C-alpha atoms as a PDB file:
ATOM      1  CA  MET A   1    -153.345 -93.294 -27.330  1.00  0.00           C
ATOM      2  CA  LYS A   2    -156.006 -90.947 -25.672  1.00  0.00           C
ATOM      3  CA  ASN A   3    -155.197 -89.623 -22.323  1.00  0.00           C
ATOM      4  CA  PRO A   4    -157.710 -91.200 -19.765  1.00  0.00           C
ATOM      5  CA  LEU A   5    -157.709 -88.144 -17.643  1.00  0.00           C
ATOM      6  CA  ILE A   6    -159.244 -86.144 -20.366  1.00  0.00           C
ATOM      7  CA  GLU A   7    -163.056 -86.208 -20.108  1.00  0.00           C
ATOM      8  CA  GLN A   8    -165.957 -84.888 -21.824  1.00  0.00           C
ATOM      9  CA  THR A   9    -169.059 -83.415 -19.977  1.00  0.00           C
ATOM     10  CA  VAL A  10    -172.282 -81.587 -20.956  1.00  0.00           C
ATOM     11  CA  VAL A  11    -173.125 -78.191 -19.566  1.00  0.00           C
ATOM     12  CA  LEU A  12    -176.414 -76.469 -20.092  1.00  0.00           C
ATOM     13  CA  ILE A  13    -177.035 -72.845 -19.645  1.00  0.00           C
ATOM     14  CA  LYS A  14    -180.510 -73.023 -18.507  1.00  0.00           C
ATOM     15  CA  PRO A  15    -183.204 -70.306 -19.808  1.00  0.00           C
ATOM     16  CA  ASP A  16    -182.532 -68.014 -16.798  1.00  0.00           C
ATOM     17  CA  GLY A  17    -178.674 -67.692 -17.745  1.00  0.00           C
ATOM     18  CA  VAL A  18    -179.624 -67.196 -21.320  1.00  0.00           C
ATOM     19  CA  LYS A  19    -182.419 -64.552 -20.587  1.00  0.00           C
ATOM     20  CA  ARG A  20    -180.118 -62.705 -18.143  1.00  0.00           C
ATOM     21  CA  ALA A  21    -177.416 -62.493 -20.752  1.00  0.00           C
ATOM     22  CA  LEU A  22    -174.830 -64.605 -18.838  1.00  0.00           C
ATOM     23  CA  VAL A  23    -173.884 -66.836 -21.596  1.00  0.00           C
ATOM     24  CA  GLY A  24    -170.618 -65.139 -22.366  1.00  0.00           C
ATOM     25  CA  GLU A  25    -169.436 -64.838 -18.743  1.00  0.00           C
ATOM     26  CA  ILE A  26    -170.278 -68.592 -18.014  1.00  0.00           C
ATOM     27  CA  VAL A  27    -168.628 -69.902 -21.195  1.00  0.00           C
ATOM     28  CA  SER A  28    -165.600 -67.650 -20.464  1.00  0.00           C
ATOM     29  CA  ARG A  29    -164.983 -69.122 -17.098  1.00  0.00           C
ATOM     30  CA  PHE A  30    -164.762 -72.409 -18.517  1.00  0.00           C
ATOM     31  CA  GLU A  31    -162.585 -71.520 -21.225  1.00  0.00           C
ATOM     32  CA  LYS A  32    -160.333 -69.713 -18.710  1.00  0.00           C
ATOM     33  CA  ILE A  33    -159.381 -72.679 -16.657  1.00  0.00           C
ATOM     34  CA  GLY A  34    -158.495 -74.569 -19.911  1.00  0.00           C
ATOM     35  CA  LEU A  35    -161.518 -76.467 -20.899  1.00  0.00           C
ATOM     36  CA  LYS A  36    -162.199 -76.838 -24.378  1.00  0.00           C
ATOM     37  CA  ILE A  37    -165.814 -76.292 -26.111  1.00  0.00           C
ATOM     38  CA  VAL A  38    -166.052 -79.259 -28.527  1.00  0.00           C
ATOM     39  CA  GLY A  39    -169.779 -78.871 -29.079  1.00  0.00           C
ATOM     40  CA  MET A  40    -172.033 -75.986 -28.675  1.00  0.00           C
ATOM     41  CA  LYS A  41    -175.667 -74.928 -29.773  1.00  0.00           C
ATOM     42  CA  MET A  42    -178.716 -73.209 -28.644  1.00  0.00           C
ATOM     43  CA  VAL A  43    -181.870 -74.917 -28.353  1.00  0.00           C
ATOM     44  CA  TRP A  44    -185.476 -74.434 -27.294  1.00  0.00           C
ATOM     45  CA  VAL A  45    -186.374 -77.938 -25.851  1.00  0.00           C
ATOM     46  CA  ASP A  46    -189.841 -79.429 -25.617  1.00  0.00           C
ATOM     47  CA  GLU A  47    -191.238 -81.414 -22.854  1.00  0.00           C
ATOM     48  CA  GLU A  48    -190.270 -84.822 -24.436  1.00  0.00           C
ATOM     49  CA  MET A  49    -186.508 -83.810 -24.372  1.00  0.00           C
ATOM     50  CA  VAL A  50    -186.472 -82.609 -20.925  1.00  0.00           C
ATOM     51  CA  ARG A  51    -188.063 -85.718 -19.666  1.00  0.00           C
ATOM     52  CA  LYS A  52    -185.386 -87.678 -21.341  1.00  0.00           C
ATOM     53  CA  HIS A  53    -182.812 -85.449 -19.583  1.00  0.00           C
ATOM     54  CA  TYR A  54    -184.543 -85.980 -16.236  1.00  0.00           C
ATOM     55  CA  PRO A  55    -186.247 -89.473 -16.554  1.00  0.00           C
ATOM     56  CA  THR A  56    -188.607 -90.041 -13.701  1.00  0.00           C
ATOM     57  CA  GLU A  57    -188.062 -93.854 -14.328  1.00  0.00           C
ATOM     58  CA  ARG A  58    -184.463 -93.514 -12.767  1.00  0.00           C
ATOM     59  CA  ARG A  59    -186.278 -93.919  -9.145  1.00  0.00           C
ATOM     60  CA  GLN A  60    -182.932 -93.747  -7.260  1.00  0.00           C
ATOM     61  CA  TRP A  61    -181.988 -90.306  -8.936  1.00  0.00           C
ATOM     62  CA  VAL A  62    -185.626 -89.159  -8.302  1.00  0.00           C
ATOM     63  CA  THR A  63    -185.666 -90.056  -4.713  1.00  0.00           C
ATOM     64  CA  LYS A  64    -182.200 -88.404  -4.205  1.00  0.00           C
ATOM     65  CA  ILE A  65    -183.684 -85.160  -5.456  1.00  0.00           C
ATOM     66  CA  GLY A  66    -186.529 -85.604  -3.036  1.00  0.00           C
ATOM     67  CA  GLU A  67    -184.063 -86.395  -0.115  1.00  0.00           C
ATOM     68  CA  LYS A  68    -181.916 -83.278  -1.088  1.00  0.00           C
ATOM     69  CA  THR A  69    -185.165 -81.296  -1.034  1.00  0.00           C
ATOM     70  CA  LEU A  70    -186.260 -82.414   2.420  1.00  0.00           C
ATOM     71  CA  GLU A  71    -182.674 -81.686   3.873  1.00  0.00           C
ATOM     72  CA  ALA A  72    -183.084 -78.168   2.559  1.00  0.00           C
ATOM     73  CA  TYR A  73    -186.297 -77.630   4.480  1.00  0.00           C
ATOM     74  CA  LYS A  74    -184.714 -78.907   7.452  1.00  0.00           C
ATOM     75  CA  ASN A  75    -181.773 -76.739   7.218  1.00  0.00           C
ATOM     76  CA  TYR A  76    -184.570 -73.840   6.787  1.00  0.00           C
ATOM     77  CA  GLY A  77    -186.763 -74.983   9.746  1.00  0.00           C
ATOM     78  CA  THR A  78    -189.773 -75.041   7.327  1.00  0.00           C
ATOM     79  CA  ASP A  79    -192.499 -77.649   6.941  1.00  0.00           C
ATOM     80  CA  PRO A  80    -192.063 -79.512   3.547  1.00  0.00           C
ATOM     81  CA  LYS A  81    -195.578 -81.177   3.967  1.00  0.00           C
ATOM     82  CA  GLU A  82    -197.285 -77.607   3.973  1.00  0.00           C
ATOM     83  CA  HIS A  83    -195.629 -76.658   0.699  1.00  0.00           C
ATOM     84  CA  LEU A  84    -195.305 -79.951  -1.117  1.00  0.00           C
ATOM     85  CA  GLY A  85    -198.192 -82.107   0.436  1.00  0.00           C
ATOM     86  CA  THR A  86    -196.036 -85.144   1.192  1.00  0.00           C
ATOM     87  CA  MET A  87    -192.865 -86.065   2.994  1.00  0.00           C
ATOM     88  CA  GLU A  88    -192.225 -89.164   0.766  1.00  0.00           C
ATOM     89  CA  PRO A  89    -188.732 -88.374  -1.099  1.00  0.00           C
ATOM     90  CA  TYR A  90    -189.995 -90.079  -4.238  1.00  0.00           C
ATOM     91  CA  GLU A  91    -192.999 -88.157  -4.671  1.00  0.00           C
ATOM     92  CA  ILE A  92    -191.265 -84.942  -3.987  1.00  0.00           C
ATOM     93  CA  GLY A  93    -188.704 -85.792  -6.674  1.00  0.00           C
ATOM     94  CA  VAL A  94    -191.415 -86.546  -9.252  1.00  0.00           C
ATOM     95  CA  LEU A  95    -192.978 -83.017  -8.318  1.00  0.00           C
ATOM     96  CA  ILE A  96    -189.454 -81.337  -8.677  1.00  0.00           C
ATOM     97  CA  CYS A  97    -188.977 -83.032 -12.105  1.00  0.00           C
ATOM     98  CA  LYS A  98    -192.294 -81.535 -13.251  1.00  0.00           C
ATOM     99  CA  TRP A  99    -191.038 -78.183 -12.354  1.00  0.00           C
ATOM    100  CA  LEU A 100    -187.963 -78.817 -14.045  1.00  0.00           C
ATOM    101  CA  VAL A 101    -189.765 -79.346 -17.248  1.00  0.00           C
ATOM    102  CA  ASP A 102    -191.599 -76.196 -16.942  1.00  0.00           C
ATOM    103  CA  TYR A 103    -188.228 -74.421 -16.450  1.00  0.00           C
ATOM    104  CA  LEU A 104    -186.187 -75.907 -18.992  1.00  0.00           C
ATOM    105  CA  THR A 105    -188.890 -75.484 -21.606  1.00  0.00           C
ATOM    106  CA  SER A 106    -189.281 -71.707 -20.707  1.00  0.00           C
ATOM    107  CA  GLY A 107    -186.732 -70.501 -22.999  1.00  0.00           C
ATOM    108  CA  PRO A 108    -183.724 -71.164 -25.198  1.00  0.00           C
ATOM    109  CA  VAL A 109    -181.058 -73.139 -23.644  1.00  0.00           C
ATOM    110  CA  VAL A 110    -177.256 -73.360 -24.678  1.00  0.00           C
ATOM    111  CA  ALA A 111    -175.933 -76.868 -24.669  1.00  0.00           C
ATOM    112  CA  MET A 112    -172.151 -77.505 -24.749  1.00  0.00           C
ATOM    113  CA  VAL A 113    -169.762 -80.210 -24.439  1.00  0.00           C
ATOM    114  CA  LEU A 114    -166.613 -79.501 -22.585  1.00  0.00           C
ATOM    115  CA  GLU A 115    -163.431 -81.316 -22.841  1.00  0.00           C
ATOM    116  CA  GLY A 116    -160.299 -81.285 -20.905  1.00  0.00           C
ATOM    117  CA  PRO A 117    -158.345 -83.032 -17.759  1.00  0.00           C
ATOM    118  CA  HIS A 118    -160.883 -83.879 -15.011  1.00  0.00           C
ATOM    119  CA  ALA A 119    -163.581 -81.992 -16.960  1.00  0.00           C
ATOM    120  CA  ILE A 120    -166.475 -83.258 -14.955  1.00  0.00           C
ATOM    121  CA  THR A 121    -165.214 -82.426 -11.497  1.00  0.00           C
ATOM    122  CA  ALA A 122    -163.865 -79.171 -12.541  1.00  0.00           C
ATOM    123  CA  VAL A 123    -167.235 -78.144 -14.119  1.00  0.00           C
ATOM    124  CA  ARG A 124    -169.273 -79.209 -11.143  1.00  0.00           C
ATOM    125  CA  LYS A 125    -166.698 -77.376  -8.700  1.00  0.00           C
ATOM    126  CA  MET A 126    -167.079 -74.110 -10.971  1.00  0.00           C
ATOM    127  CA  ALA A 127    -170.921 -74.594 -11.029  1.00  0.00           C
ATOM    128  CA  GLY A 128    -171.187 -74.357  -7.339  1.00  0.00           C
ATOM    129  CA  TYR A 129    -173.825 -76.194  -5.005  1.00  0.00           C
ATOM    130  CA  THR A 130    -177.011 -76.855  -6.477  1.00  0.00           C
ATOM    131  CA  TYR A 131    -178.777 -74.241  -4.417  1.00  0.00           C
ATOM    132  CA  PRO A 132    -177.488 -70.628  -5.221  1.00  0.00           C
ATOM    133  CA  ASP A 133    -178.170 -69.283  -1.780  1.00  0.00           C
ATOM    134  CA  THR A 134    -175.511 -71.690  -0.331  1.00  0.00           C
ATOM    135  CA  ALA A 135    -173.245 -71.826  -3.233  1.00  0.00           C
ATOM    136  CA  VAL A 136    -169.972 -70.071  -2.387  1.00  0.00           C
ATOM    137  CA  PRO A 137    -168.708 -66.819  -3.844  1.00  0.00           C
ATOM    138  CA  GLY A 138    -166.526 -67.528  -7.053  1.00  0.00           C
ATOM    139  CA  THR A 139    -168.841 -70.234  -8.437  1.00  0.00           C
ATOM    140  CA  ILE A 140    -171.339 -69.477 -11.178  1.00  0.00           C
ATOM    141  CA  ARG A 141    -174.401 -70.065  -8.931  1.00  0.00           C
ATOM    142  CA  GLY A 142    -172.872 -68.325  -5.929  1.00  0.00           C
ATOM    143  CA  ASP A 143    -171.823 -65.276  -7.859  1.00  0.00           C
ATOM    144  CA  PHE A 144    -175.095 -64.792 -10.091  1.00  0.00           C
ATOM    145  CA  SER A 145    -178.028 -65.876  -8.069  1.00  0.00           C
ATOM    146  CA  ILE A 146    -179.541 -66.094  -4.430  1.00  0.00           C
ATOM    147  CA  ASP A 147    -182.596 -68.414  -5.317  1.00  0.00           C
ATOM    148  CA  SER A 148    -183.319 -70.984  -2.658  1.00  0.00           C
ATOM    149  CA  PRO A 149    -185.210 -74.188  -2.598  1.00  0.00           C
ATOM    150  CA  ASP A 150    -187.769 -72.828  -0.230  1.00  0.00           C
ATOM    151  CA  LEU A 151    -188.621 -69.898  -2.278  1.00  0.00           C
ATOM    152  CA  ALA A 152    -188.727 -71.994  -5.368  1.00  0.00           C
ATOM    153  CA  ASN A 153    -191.105 -74.591  -3.538  1.00  0.00           C
ATOM    154  CA  MET A 154    -193.283 -72.178  -1.769  1.00  0.00           C
ATOM    155  CA  ILE A 155    -194.491 -70.919  -5.262  1.00  0.00           C
ATOM    156  CA  LYS A 156    -194.321 -74.170  -6.873  1.00  0.00           C
ATOM    157  CA  ARG A 157    -191.439 -73.883  -9.508  1.00  0.00           C
ATOM    158  CA  SER A 158    -187.928 -75.282  -9.879  1.00  0.00           C
ATOM    159  CA  GLY A 159    -184.834 -73.487  -8.473  1.00  0.00           C
ATOM    160  CA  MET A 160    -183.335 -71.101 -10.863  1.00  0.00           C
ATOM    161  CA  ASN A 161    -179.603 -72.221 -10.814  1.00  0.00           C
ATOM    162  CA  LEU A 162    -178.367 -71.046 -14.194  1.00  0.00           C
ATOM    163  CA  VAL A 163    -176.579 -74.160 -15.285  1.00  0.00           C
ATOM    164  CA  HIS A 164    -176.750 -78.046 -15.566  1.00  0.00           C
ATOM    165  CA  ALA A 165    -173.532 -79.949 -15.308  1.00  0.00           C
ATOM    166  CA  SER A 166    -173.068 -83.787 -15.697  1.00  0.00           C
ATOM    167  CA  GLY A 167    -172.675 -85.456 -12.337  1.00  0.00           C
ATOM    168  CA  ASN A 168    -170.393 -88.329 -13.256  1.00  0.00           C
ATOM    169  CA  THR A 169    -168.862 -90.252 -16.269  1.00  0.00           C
ATOM    170  CA  GLU A 170    -172.035 -92.379 -16.629  1.00  0.00           C
ATOM    171  CA  GLU A 171    -174.460 -89.067 -16.614  1.00  0.00           C
ATOM    172  CA  ALA A 172    -171.689 -87.406 -18.895  1.00  0.00           C
ATOM    173  CA  LYS A 173    -171.956 -90.343 -21.746  1.00  0.00           C
ATOM    174  CA  PHE A 174    -175.691 -90.470 -21.462  1.00  0.00           C
ATOM    175  CA  GLU A 175    -176.274 -86.617 -21.844  1.00  0.00           C
ATOM    176  CA  ILE A 176    -173.580 -86.285 -24.680  1.00  0.00           C
ATOM    177  CA  ALA A 177    -175.501 -88.736 -26.743  1.00  0.00           C
ATOM    178  CA  LEU A 178    -178.984 -87.178 -25.822  1.00  0.00           C
ATOM    179  CA  TRP A 179    -178.131 -83.609 -26.627  1.00  0.00           C
ATOM    180  CA  PHE A 180    -175.488 -83.908 -29.453  1.00  0.00           C
ATOM    181  CA  ARG A 181    -174.992 -85.985 -32.809  1.00  0.00           C
ATOM    182  CA  LYS A 182    -171.697 -87.303 -33.369  1.00  0.00           C
ATOM    183  CA  LYS A 183    -170.933 -84.761 -36.247  1.00  0.00           C
ATOM    184  CA  GLU A 184    -171.762 -82.094 -33.839  1.00  0.00           C
ATOM    185  CA  ILE A 185    -168.694 -82.736 -31.601  1.00  0.00           C
ATOM    186  CA  HIS A 186    -165.224 -81.504 -33.010  1.00  0.00           C
ATOM    187  CA  ASN A 187    -161.815 -82.542 -32.394  1.00  0.00           C
ATOM    188  CA  TYR A 188    -159.232 -79.693 -32.367  1.00  0.00           C
ATOM    189  CA  LYS A 189    -156.129 -78.416 -30.330  1.00  0.00           C
ATOM    190  CA  ARG A 190    -156.387 -75.178 -28.370  1.00  0.00           C
ATOM    191  CA  ALA A 191    -153.452 -72.811 -29.041  1.00  0.00           C
ATOM    192  CA  ASP A 192    -152.629 -72.868 -25.155  1.00  0.00           C
ATOM    193  CA  GLU A 193    -152.810 -76.642 -24.479  1.00  0.00           C
ATOM    194  CA  GLY A 194    -149.044 -76.860 -24.609  1.00  0.00           C
ATOM    195  CA  ILE A 195    -148.523 -74.076 -22.080  1.00  0.00           C
ATOM    196  CA  MET A 196    -151.398 -75.175 -19.863  1.00  0.00           C
ATOM    197  CA  PHE A 197    -151.019 -79.240 -19.742  1.00  0.00           C
ATOM    198  CA  GLY A 198    -147.705 -79.815 -21.620  1.00  0.00           C
ATOM    199  CA  PHE A 199    -149.666 -81.638 -24.518  1.00  0.00           C
END
């Protein structure tokens, strides 16, 4: 019987992480805590693929992106309307999604499926807060970037935050099916699973 605490999640090392030669460092961090790579490939995605990954039809999700952006503007004490031309969260979210397309199609992406106990929350915790300038030291974003939403929005681009990590179980299932075929996901045992988890 499969352990219900063992999860699979998607991690994308985005073009800035690949171009900055941080792939090995990022992968190593996940492996060191006991997560197992069960799928991995490098791809240069097109606009259609990115729009499937970040679908603007998910109105609630897009609105949340806009709300998060407005919150960041408030924290920085800057005027979102001046940079973005609107105060409407959904419209801002749609604009950010367009910039995300530009960002993810700007170079190769390393896509992974990681597996392990509480993999989804473990990966999110290790990735750090979405905006690198407020991500804490010790996280991937906190250690390797200081990009901020006000800087990104001012020059009309996506924030450069190195990695994507599935947000919850539903997202993980959707993203695994989107990025990987079944035959690209492998089942094996790590040599240290018994020591780390008693399996």
